[in-house]
């Protein structure tokens, strides 16, 4: 692992699409159809939807459609605009490692963080991929749980 930011398979791709409330509502309709087709036993269950704080996700029309469809919208954690839910597995533990320590430079913090990730059992993180694949499917490149 590295603290460097590099391209990865989950990184959003640039596209010419405009993501707005109309697009999002259409996508939600397709999502409901996909769920009914792939998991018919979930038709009568409450679907929990987690999405980021993108402006089109917070628009009144979009939120109204989510409620109309019977989905439960999970609250997005405050101050976490760029963290995916899986990141909390790592950062909660990392916080415990760093708490209470004093650093005199950014380089010391980076070195400590890199040492933390190097010492991590890679199987722990690889197990997240199995869980992810078990719980998610893709819809036009968007990951859905």
Protein backbone atom coordinates (compact mmCIF):
# COMPACT_ATOMS: atom_id res chain seq x y z
CA UNK A 1 0.00 0.00 0.00
CA UNK A 2 1.00 3.56 -0.51
CA UNK A 3 -0.09 7.00 0.56
CA UNK A 4 0.32 8.15 -3.05
CA UNK A 5 -2.88 8.80 -5.00
CA UNK A 6 -2.92 6.77 -8.20
CA UNK A 7 -5.49 5.53 -10.68
CA UNK A 8 -7.44 2.47 -9.60
CA UNK A 9 -10.31 0.44 -10.97
CA UNK A 10 -12.85 2.25 -8.78
CA UNK A 11 -11.79 5.72 -9.84
CA UNK A 12 -14.59 7.59 -11.68
CA UNK A 13 -14.09 7.93 -15.40
CA UNK A 14 -14.61 11.18 -17.24
CA UNK A 15 -17.69 11.20 -19.43
CA UNK A 16 -19.75 13.61 -21.45
CA UNK A 17 -22.86 12.84 -19.37
CA UNK A 18 -24.58 15.48 -17.32
CA UNK A 19 -25.68 13.97 -14.05
CA UNK A 20 -28.75 15.84 -12.89
CA UNK A 21 -32.00 15.06 -11.10
CA UNK A 22 -33.67 13.70 -14.26
CA UNK A 23 -30.80 11.32 -14.98
CA UNK A 24 -30.61 10.24 -11.34
CA UNK A 25 -34.37 9.57 -11.14
CA UNK A 26 -34.21 7.48 -14.34
CA UNK A 27 -31.27 5.55 -12.92
CA UNK A 28 -33.16 4.92 -9.67
CA UNK A 29 -36.08 3.52 -11.68
CA UNK A 30 -33.73 1.14 -13.47
CA UNK A 31 -32.18 0.21 -10.13
CA UNK A 32 -35.56 -0.79 -8.73
CA UNK A 33 -36.24 -2.90 -11.85
CA UNK A 34 -32.81 -4.56 -11.59
CA UNK A 35 -33.38 -5.42 -7.94
CA UNK A 36 -36.80 -6.92 -8.72
CA UNK A 37 -35.32 -8.96 -11.57
CA UNK A 38 -32.15 -10.19 -9.85
CA UNK A 39 -33.48 -10.55 -6.31
CA UNK A 40 -37.28 -11.04 -6.45
CA UNK A 41 -37.36 -12.02 -2.77
CA UNK A 42 -36.30 -8.45 -1.92
CA UNK A 43 -39.35 -6.91 -3.61
CA UNK A 44 -41.24 -6.66 -0.33
CA UNK A 45 -38.17 -5.67 1.72
CA UNK A 46 -36.97 -2.16 2.47
CA UNK A 47 -33.99 -1.30 0.26
CA UNK A 48 -31.34 0.81 1.98
CA UNK A 49 -29.67 3.24 -0.40
CA UNK A 50 -26.30 4.82 0.31
CA UNK A 51 -25.08 7.58 -1.98
CA UNK A 52 -22.64 10.43 -1.69
CA UNK A 53 -23.48 14.09 -1.17
CA UNK A 54 -23.42 15.04 -4.86
CA UNK A 55 -25.78 17.96 -5.51
CA UNK A 56 -28.10 15.87 -7.73
CA UNK A 57 -28.51 13.33 -4.89
CA UNK A 58 -29.76 16.00 -2.48
CA UNK A 59 -32.30 17.67 -4.77
CA UNK A 60 -35.90 17.59 -3.56
CA UNK A 61 -37.07 15.71 -6.69
CA UNK A 62 -34.45 12.99 -6.24
CA UNK A 63 -35.08 12.51 -2.52
CA UNK A 64 -38.85 12.45 -3.14
CA UNK A 65 -38.38 9.73 -5.78
CA UNK A 66 -36.26 7.67 -3.37
CA UNK A 67 -39.01 7.84 -0.74
CA UNK A 68 -41.74 7.18 -3.34
CA UNK A 69 -39.89 4.00 -4.36
CA UNK A 70 -39.87 2.86 -0.73
CA UNK A 71 -36.09 3.05 -0.38
CA UNK A 72 -34.55 4.06 2.94
CA UNK A 73 -31.91 6.71 2.32
CA UNK A 74 -28.94 6.20 4.62
CA UNK A 75 -27.40 9.41 5.95
CA UNK A 76 -24.00 10.29 4.57
CA UNK A 77 -21.35 10.67 7.29
CA UNK A 78 -20.45 14.32 7.92
CA UNK A 79 -17.03 15.59 6.85
CA UNK A 80 -16.38 12.50 4.74
CA UNK A 81 -16.97 13.65 1.20
CA UNK A 82 -14.27 11.44 -0.30
CA UNK A 83 -14.43 8.31 1.86
CA UNK A 84 -16.22 5.18 0.74
CA UNK A 85 -17.87 3.04 3.43
CA UNK A 86 -15.08 0.46 3.14
CA UNK A 87 -12.51 3.12 4.03
CA UNK A 88 -13.87 3.30 7.58
CA UNK A 89 -12.47 -0.19 8.21
CA UNK A 90 -8.97 1.19 7.72
CA UNK A 91 -9.21 4.70 9.07
CA UNK A 92 -10.90 3.80 12.35
CA UNK A 93 -7.99 1.49 13.18
CA UNK A 94 -5.40 3.99 11.88
CA UNK A 95 -6.87 6.70 14.11
CA UNK A 96 -6.33 4.43 17.13
CA UNK A 97 -2.68 4.04 16.14
CA UNK A 98 -2.04 7.77 15.75
CA UNK A 99 -4.14 9.17 18.61
CA UNK A 100 -2.21 10.94 21.36
CA UNK A 101 1.08 11.04 19.44
CA UNK A 102 2.86 14.30 18.63
CA UNK A 103 4.62 14.81 15.30
CA UNK A 104 7.02 17.59 14.42
CA UNK A 105 6.59 17.34 10.63
CA UNK A 106 4.34 16.06 7.89
CA UNK A 107 7.09 13.62 6.91
CA UNK A 108 6.84 11.94 10.34
CA UNK A 109 3.08 11.52 9.96
CA UNK A 110 3.50 10.12 6.44
CA UNK A 111 6.21 7.70 7.62
CA UNK A 112 4.04 6.50 10.52
CA UNK A 113 1.03 6.08 8.22
CA UNK A 114 3.04 4.16 5.63
CA UNK A 115 4.46 1.91 8.37
CA UNK A 116 0.92 1.25 9.58
CA UNK A 117 -0.23 0.17 6.12
CA UNK A 118 2.88 -1.95 5.55
CA UNK A 119 2.22 -3.82 8.81
CA UNK A 120 -1.44 -4.45 7.91
CA UNK A 121 -2.35 -8.01 6.98
CA UNK A 122 -3.16 -7.82 3.27
CA UNK A 123 -5.77 -10.58 3.69
CA UNK A 124 -7.93 -8.23 5.77
CA UNK A 125 -8.23 -5.81 2.89
CA UNK A 126 -8.56 -8.54 0.26
CA UNK A 127 -11.49 -9.98 2.23
CA UNK A 128 -13.29 -6.67 1.68
CA UNK A 129 -13.23 -7.35 -2.06
CA UNK A 130 -15.08 -10.64 -1.53
CA UNK A 131 -17.68 -8.88 0.60
CA UNK A 132 -17.95 -6.12 -1.98
CA UNK A 133 -18.48 -8.59 -4.83
CA UNK A 134 -21.06 -10.47 -2.78
CA UNK A 135 -23.08 -7.36 -1.91
CA UNK A 136 -22.79 -5.16 -4.99
CA UNK A 137 -23.73 -5.21 -8.63
CA UNK A 138 -23.07 -2.60 -11.25
CA UNK A 139 -25.62 -0.50 -13.07
CA UNK A 140 -24.13 1.55 -15.91
CA UNK A 141 -20.80 1.55 -14.08
CA UNK A 142 -22.30 2.76 -10.78
CA UNK A 143 -21.76 0.46 -7.82
CA UNK A 144 -24.90 -0.39 -5.90
CA UNK A 145 -25.30 -2.30 -2.63
